[in-house]
Amino acid sequence: MVRELTDNYTRVKEELFFYKAFTAQFLNRDMKLRDWGGKFYYFSSEKLTWSSSRAFCVSKGTDLVTITSQSEQMFLNSEIKDQYWIGLNDLQTEGNWVWVNNQTLTETGVQFWFQRVSEKSEPDNWRGNDANGENCAVVTSSNNYSWFDVSCNFMYNFICEKKVLHQ
């Protein structure tokens, strides 16, 4: 019983820290904070570049979201209405997609890239808008909530995530 109470106390303390980190800065903004599947999520209302989004998340003790299951993808789909940065990129090596926690797509075992019928599917590293290509990923509410690779310099909303240490 003592162990259970200690775990519950720790979880509540972590949750309060998470909410406090965001509410202190955004008291009068449209905030979207969610608790799901043993993780806390912050869905931004502001738009930033991928690197600025990641820096924001890290400054709050979190990171851009790492999607590790179909159920997590479905949860995120239920919460978004636009395009949001996720923590996936191939900045180090073109075509080698890695999450911000250094896991590869093979390690997480899930991929939700948009599949085209008559053209190259995502990720396509299109260079039409940025000579550096598309090296960062978004999840979008259109096209069956698929992932797209886009220029890291575009401005999008973003999703921060923090795992709960005790449940």
Protein backbone atom coordinates (compact mmCIF):
# COMPACT_ATOMS: atom_id res chain seq x y z
CA MET A 1 0.00 0.00 0.00
CA VAL A 2 2.82 2.41 0.83
CA ARG A 3 4.43 1.67 -2.56
CA GLU A 4 1.15 2.37 -4.35
CA LEU A 5 0.69 5.66 -2.50
CA THR A 6 4.28 6.67 -3.26
CA ASP A 7 3.81 5.85 -6.97
CA ASN A 8 0.54 7.80 -7.10
CA TYR A 9 2.13 10.77 -5.35
CA THR A 10 5.08 10.72 -7.77
CA ARG A 11 2.74 10.57 -10.78
CA VAL A 12 0.64 13.49 -9.55
CA LYS A 13 3.80 15.49 -8.81
CA GLU A 14 5.12 14.83 -12.36
CA GLU A 15 1.78 15.79 -13.86
CA LEU A 16 1.68 19.06 -11.91
CA PHE A 17 5.24 19.86 -12.97
CA PHE A 18 4.32 19.23 -16.61
CA TYR A 19 1.22 21.44 -16.49
CA LYS A 20 3.02 24.15 -14.55
CA ALA A 21 5.86 24.25 -17.11
CA PHE A 22 3.40 25.10 -19.86
CA THR A 23 0.76 27.17 -18.07
CA ALA A 24 3.29 29.60 -16.61
CA GLN A 25 4.21 30.74 -20.11
CA PHE A 26 0.83 30.44 -21.81
CA LEU A 27 -1.80 31.50 -19.27
CA ASN A 28 -3.91 33.41 -21.77
CA ARG A 29 -3.43 31.18 -24.82
CA ASP A 30 -5.39 28.36 -26.34
CA MET A 31 -3.51 25.48 -24.74
CA LYS A 32 -4.10 21.83 -25.33
CA LEU A 33 -2.56 19.51 -22.75
CA ARG A 34 -3.44 15.83 -22.72
CA ASP A 35 -2.58 12.75 -20.67
CA TRP A 36 -2.77 9.46 -22.59
CA GLY A 37 -1.08 6.06 -22.54
CA GLY A 38 1.41 6.89 -19.82
CA LYS A 39 2.56 10.10 -21.53
CA PHE A 40 1.76 13.80 -21.30
CA TYR A 41 1.26 15.73 -24.54
CA TYR A 42 1.31 19.43 -25.35
CA PHE A 43 -0.30 20.46 -28.66
CA SER A 44 0.97 23.91 -29.57
CA SER A 45 -1.19 26.72 -30.84
CA GLU A 46 1.88 28.60 -32.10
CA LYS A 47 3.85 27.73 -35.23
CA LEU A 48 7.63 27.37 -35.24
CA THR A 49 10.33 25.73 -37.37
CA TRP A 50 11.24 22.14 -36.51
CA SER A 51 14.42 23.07 -34.61
CA SER A 52 12.67 25.90 -32.72
CA SER A 53 9.82 23.55 -31.86
CA ARG A 54 12.24 21.00 -30.52
CA ALA A 55 14.12 23.66 -28.53
CA PHE A 56 10.83 24.81 -27.01
CA CYS A 57 9.90 21.26 -25.97
CA VAL A 58 13.35 20.60 -24.51
CA SER A 59 13.20 23.87 -22.55
CA LYS A 60 10.06 22.50 -20.86
CA GLY A 61 11.64 19.15 -19.96
CA THR A 62 9.98 17.31 -22.85
CA ASP A 63 10.79 16.57 -26.52
CA LEU A 64 8.94 16.39 -29.80
CA VAL A 65 6.63 13.39 -29.90
CA THR A 66 7.96 9.93 -30.78
CA ILE A 67 5.17 7.75 -32.19
CA THR A 68 5.63 4.12 -31.18
CA SER A 69 2.29 2.46 -31.91
CA GLN A 70 -0.80 2.59 -34.06
CA SER A 71 -2.89 3.40 -30.99
CA GLU A 72 -0.69 6.41 -30.22
CA GLN A 73 -0.99 7.56 -33.86
CA MET A 74 -4.78 7.22 -33.59
CA PHE A 75 -4.82 9.22 -30.33
CA LEU A 76 -2.80 12.02 -31.95
CA ASN A 77 -5.12 11.93 -34.98
CA SER A 78 -8.10 12.52 -32.67
CA GLU A 79 -6.46 15.65 -31.25
CA ILE A 80 -5.14 17.49 -34.33
CA LYS A 81 -6.79 19.56 -37.03
CA ASP A 82 -3.78 20.71 -39.01
CA GLN A 83 -0.11 19.82 -39.55
CA TYR A 84 2.13 19.25 -36.51
CA TRP A 85 5.84 18.62 -36.21
CA ILE A 86 6.76 15.23 -34.82
CA GLY A 87 10.20 14.19 -33.55
CA LEU A 88 11.27 12.39 -36.73
CA ASN A 89 14.03 13.55 -39.09
CA ASP A 90 16.76 12.46 -41.48
CA LEU A 91 19.03 15.46 -40.86
CA GLN A 92 22.16 13.37 -40.28
CA THR A 93 21.85 10.98 -43.25
CA GLU A 94 19.37 11.35 -46.10
CA GLY A 95 16.86 8.51 -46.02
CA ASN A 96 17.84 7.34 -42.52
CA TRP A 97 14.85 8.49 -40.47
CA VAL A 98 15.52 8.76 -36.74
CA TRP A 99 13.38 9.90 -33.81
CA VAL A 100 14.63 12.55 -31.37
CA ASN A 101 15.29 9.75 -28.85
CA ASN A 102 17.66 8.18 -31.43
CA GLN A 103 15.34 5.26 -32.23
CA THR A 104 15.05 4.31 -35.87
CA LEU A 105 11.76 3.51 -37.60
CA THR A 106 12.81 -0.14 -37.59
CA GLU A 107 13.14 -0.04 -33.79
CA THR A 108 9.74 1.57 -33.20
CA GLY A 109 8.14 -0.72 -35.78
CA VAL A 110 5.56 1.80 -37.02
CA GLN A 111 5.41 4.03 -40.08
CA PHE A 112 2.53 6.12 -41.35
CA TRP A 113 4.05 7.75 -44.44
CA PHE A 114 1.58 9.00 -47.05
CA GLN A 115 1.32 6.54 -49.96
CA ARG A 116 0.66 7.93 -53.44
CA VAL A 117 -0.81 5.80 -56.21
CA SER A 118 0.91 7.28 -59.27
CA GLU A 119 3.82 9.31 -57.89
CA LYS A 120 6.62 8.71 -55.39
CA SER A 121 5.24 8.21 -51.89
CA GLU A 122 6.50 9.95 -48.77
CA PRO A 123 9.22 10.48 -47.75
CA ASP A 124 10.14 11.94 -51.14
CA ASN A 125 12.74 14.62 -50.21
CA TRP A 126 11.16 17.05 -52.70
CA ARG A 127 13.38 20.09 -53.29
CA GLY A 128 10.81 22.41 -54.85
CA ASN A 129 10.54 24.71 -51.81
CA ASP A 130 13.97 24.18 -50.22
CA ALA A 131 17.25 23.28 -51.95
CA ASN A 132 18.18 21.26 -48.82
CA GLY A 133 15.19 19.01 -49.40
CA GLU A 134 12.72 17.71 -46.85
CA ASN A 135 14.38 16.38 -43.72
CA CYS A 136 11.76 16.74 -40.98
CA ALA A 137 8.38 15.08 -40.54
CA VAL A 138 4.86 16.28 -39.81
CA VAL A 139 1.68 14.42 -39.07
CA THR A 140 -1.26 15.98 -40.85
CA SER A 141 -5.00 15.82 -40.30
CA SER A 142 -5.56 15.42 -44.04
CA ASN A 143 -4.66 12.37 -46.15
CA ASN A 144 -5.67 9.82 -43.49
CA TYR A 145 -3.46 11.44 -40.83
CA SER A 146 -0.31 10.40 -42.62
CA TRP A 147 3.27 11.57 -42.16
CA PHE A 148 4.96 13.82 -44.70
CA ASP A 149 8.57 14.89 -44.99
CA VAL A 150 8.81 18.67 -45.34
CA SER A 151 11.42 21.40 -45.14
CA CYS A 152 12.58 21.85 -41.54
CA ASN A 153 12.35 25.63 -42.09
CA PHE A 154 8.56 25.68 -42.53
CA MET A 155 6.42 26.91 -39.66
CA TYR A 156 4.02 24.38 -38.15
CA ASN A 157 2.35 23.61 -34.87
CA PHE A 158 4.11 20.91 -32.86
CA ILE A 159 3.53 18.20 -30.28
CA CYS A 160 5.69 17.87 -27.17
CA GLU A 161 5.68 14.60 -25.22
CA LYS A 162 6.87 13.46 -21.83
CA LYS A 163 6.75 9.90 -20.54
CA VAL A 164 5.28 9.41 -17.09
CA LEU A 165 7.87 7.82 -14.85
CA HIS A 166 5.39 6.21 -12.44
CA GLN A 167 1.88 5.05 -13.15
